Amino acid sequence: MDSDFMREALVEAQKAYGLDEVPIGAVVVKNGEVIGRGHNLRESQKDPTLHAEMVAIRQAAAALGGWRLTGCDLYVTIEPCPMCAGAILQARISRLFFGARDPKAGCAGSLYNLLEDSRFNHQTEVQEGMMKEPCSQIIKAYFQQKRNRFV
């Protein structure tokens, strides 16, 4: 069942790819139902906060009618950056599942682990590596395509 939700996140990543955005996708799940979806929109919307996780979190909060997403799980194709990790904590998301690590910006284990730091008033359980290969492949393909444009 969990991999079904990561497949939904990959569908969102594919939408971003089609918009020439970095292909990252996310879904928020509560009680086995997707209540928020998102993919990167920061290039097309000219907004640095429109990462996949932020879009999905906003949609989930609207669906629940409040900012507390306690009991919700977030599935995202790549490890969240510091902004998104902070939003995950602020939203009180219970669990994060991500596919591929982000060694340049990841804050769920690569550079930092903000989400499980006991100094914060909330912690989010982190499970990494779900569908790691397809999650990393879509990003690699995107950047390879970008590099080939300039060769």
Protein backbone atom coordinates (compact mmCIF):
# COMPACT_ATOMS: atom_id res chain seq x y z
CA MET A 1 0.00 0.00 0.00
CA ASP A 2 2.79 2.48 0.89
CA SER A 3 4.41 1.97 -2.51
CA ASP A 4 1.07 2.87 -4.13
CA PHE A 5 1.35 6.30 -2.51
CA MET A 6 4.94 6.68 -3.69
CA ARG A 7 3.74 5.83 -7.19
CA GLU A 8 1.26 8.71 -6.81
CA ALA A 9 4.17 10.98 -5.85
CA LEU A 10 6.00 9.80 -8.98
CA VAL A 11 2.95 10.74 -11.08
CA GLU A 12 3.25 14.23 -9.60
CA ALA A 13 6.99 14.28 -10.40
CA GLN A 14 6.16 13.40 -14.00
CA LYS A 15 3.79 16.39 -14.13
CA ALA A 16 6.65 18.64 -13.03
CA TYR A 17 8.91 17.11 -15.69
CA GLY A 18 6.31 17.94 -18.31
CA LEU A 19 6.36 21.57 -17.17
CA ASP A 20 10.18 21.70 -17.35
CA GLU A 21 10.32 21.86 -13.55
CA VAL A 22 12.71 19.76 -11.45
CA PRO A 23 10.67 16.54 -11.29
CA ILE A 24 9.79 16.14 -7.65
CA GLY A 25 6.38 14.99 -6.49
CA ALA A 26 4.63 14.60 -3.15
CA VAL A 27 1.38 13.35 -1.68
CA VAL A 28 -0.07 13.70 1.82
CA VAL A 29 -2.08 10.74 3.06
CA LYS A 30 -4.50 10.46 5.99
CA ASN A 31 -6.32 7.25 6.86
CA GLY A 32 -5.31 5.65 3.58
CA GLU A 33 -6.61 8.52 1.42
CA VAL A 34 -4.61 11.11 -0.53
CA ILE A 35 -5.65 14.54 0.77
CA GLY A 36 -2.89 16.64 -0.79
CA ARG A 37 -0.84 16.46 -3.99
CA GLY A 38 1.97 18.57 -5.28
CA HIS A 39 4.80 18.88 -7.75
CA ASN A 40 7.42 21.55 -8.20
CA LEU A 41 6.08 24.79 -9.64
CA ARG A 42 8.71 27.31 -8.61
CA GLU A 43 10.03 27.98 -12.13
CA SER A 44 6.66 28.34 -13.85
CA GLN A 45 5.09 30.32 -11.00
CA LYS A 46 8.26 32.29 -10.14
CA ASP A 47 7.82 31.43 -6.45
CA PRO A 48 10.70 29.88 -4.46
CA THR A 49 8.29 28.31 -1.96
CA LEU A 50 6.41 26.19 -4.50
CA HIS A 51 8.25 22.95 -3.85
CA ALA A 52 6.24 19.74 -4.23
CA GLU A 53 6.01 19.22 -0.47
CA MET A 54 4.79 22.77 0.18
CA VAL A 55 2.07 22.48 -2.46
CA ALA A 56 0.90 19.12 -1.08
CA ILE A 57 0.96 20.35 2.54
CA ARG A 58 -1.10 23.45 1.65
CA GLN A 59 -3.66 21.32 -0.19
CA ALA A 60 -3.88 18.84 2.72
CA ALA A 61 -4.36 21.64 5.26
CA ALA A 62 -7.16 23.07 3.12
CA ALA A 63 -8.78 19.63 2.86
CA LEU A 64 -8.69 19.19 6.65
CA GLY A 65 -9.60 22.78 7.43
CA GLY A 66 -6.58 23.37 9.66
CA TRP A 67 -2.81 23.50 9.73
CA ARG A 68 -2.24 20.51 12.03
CA LEU A 69 -1.62 17.44 9.88
CA THR A 70 -1.17 15.07 12.81
CA GLY A 71 -1.77 11.50 11.72
CA CYS A 72 -0.79 12.29 8.15
CA ASP A 73 2.01 10.73 6.14
CA LEU A 74 3.98 12.51 3.43
CA TYR A 75 5.40 10.62 0.46
CA VAL A 76 7.96 12.53 -1.58
CA THR A 77 10.26 11.38 -4.35
CA ILE A 78 13.36 13.09 -2.97
CA GLU A 79 14.59 14.03 0.48
CA PRO A 80 13.15 17.36 1.64
CA CYS A 81 15.22 20.55 1.70
CA PRO A 82 15.48 22.72 4.86
CA MET A 83 12.39 24.78 3.97
CA CYS A 84 10.25 21.70 3.35
CA ALA A 85 11.60 19.87 6.41
CA GLY A 86 10.64 22.90 8.49
CA ALA A 87 7.16 22.94 6.98
CA ILE A 88 6.79 19.22 7.72
CA LEU A 89 7.62 19.89 11.36
CA GLN A 90 5.36 22.92 11.57
CA ALA A 91 2.47 20.94 10.05
CA ARG A 92 3.01 18.15 12.61
CA ILE A 93 3.17 15.47 9.91
CA SER A 94 3.62 12.09 11.58
CA ARG A 95 5.70 10.18 9.04
CA LEU A 96 7.80 10.98 5.99
CA PHE A 97 8.60 8.44 3.30
CA PHE A 98 11.08 9.53 0.64
CA GLY A 99 12.70 7.80 -2.28
CA ALA A 100 16.13 9.24 -3.07
CA ARG A 101 18.53 11.19 -0.92
CA ASP A 102 19.52 14.75 -1.82
CA PRO A 103 23.21 15.11 -0.88
CA LYS A 104 23.22 18.84 -1.71
CA ALA A 105 20.13 20.01 0.19
CA GLY A 106 18.57 17.09 2.08
CA CYS A 107 17.53 17.71 5.66
CA ALA A 108 16.07 14.31 6.53
CA GLY A 109 19.43 12.60 6.95
CA SER A 110 21.88 13.77 4.26
CA LEU A 111 23.10 17.18 5.48
CA TYR A 112 20.98 17.38 8.63
CA ASN A 113 18.11 15.47 10.13
CA LEU A 114 15.76 18.23 11.21
CA LEU A 115 12.78 15.91 11.36
CA GLU A 116 13.96 13.59 14.11
CA ASP A 117 15.80 16.18 16.21
CA SER A 118 14.49 15.90 19.77
CA ARG A 119 15.23 19.58 20.44
CA PHE A 120 12.15 20.52 18.43
CA ASN A 121 8.68 20.23 19.97
CA HIS A 122 7.64 17.75 17.26
CA GLN A 123 9.45 14.95 15.48
CA THR A 124 8.51 13.21 12.26
CA GLU A 125 9.43 9.58 11.71
CA VAL A 126 11.57 9.23 8.58
CA GLN A 127 11.71 6.21 6.29
CA GLU A 128 13.99 6.54 3.30
CA GLY A 129 14.65 4.54 0.17
CA MET A 130 11.09 3.69 -0.87
CA MET A 131 11.19 3.13 -4.64
CA LYS A 132 14.64 4.73 -4.62
CA GLU A 133 15.57 3.82 -8.20
CA PRO A 134 12.58 5.30 -10.06
CA CYS A 135 12.69 8.35 -7.78
CA SER A 136 16.34 9.03 -8.54
CA GLN A 137 16.06 8.07 -12.23
CA ILE A 138 13.49 10.73 -13.08
CA ILE A 139 15.72 13.46 -11.65
CA LYS A 140 18.84 12.08 -13.34
CA ALA A 141 17.00 11.93 -16.68
CA TYR A 142 15.78 15.51 -16.27
CA PHE A 143 19.24 16.93 -15.58
CA GLN A 144 20.81 14.80 -18.33
CA GLN A 145 18.29 16.28 -20.75
CA LYS A 146 19.19 19.78 -19.51
CA ARG A 147 22.93 19.13 -19.98
CA ASN A 148 22.37 17.72 -23.49
CA ARG A 149 20.69 20.97 -24.57
CA PHE A 150 23.98 22.77 -24.11
CA VAL A 151 26.26 20.23 -25.79
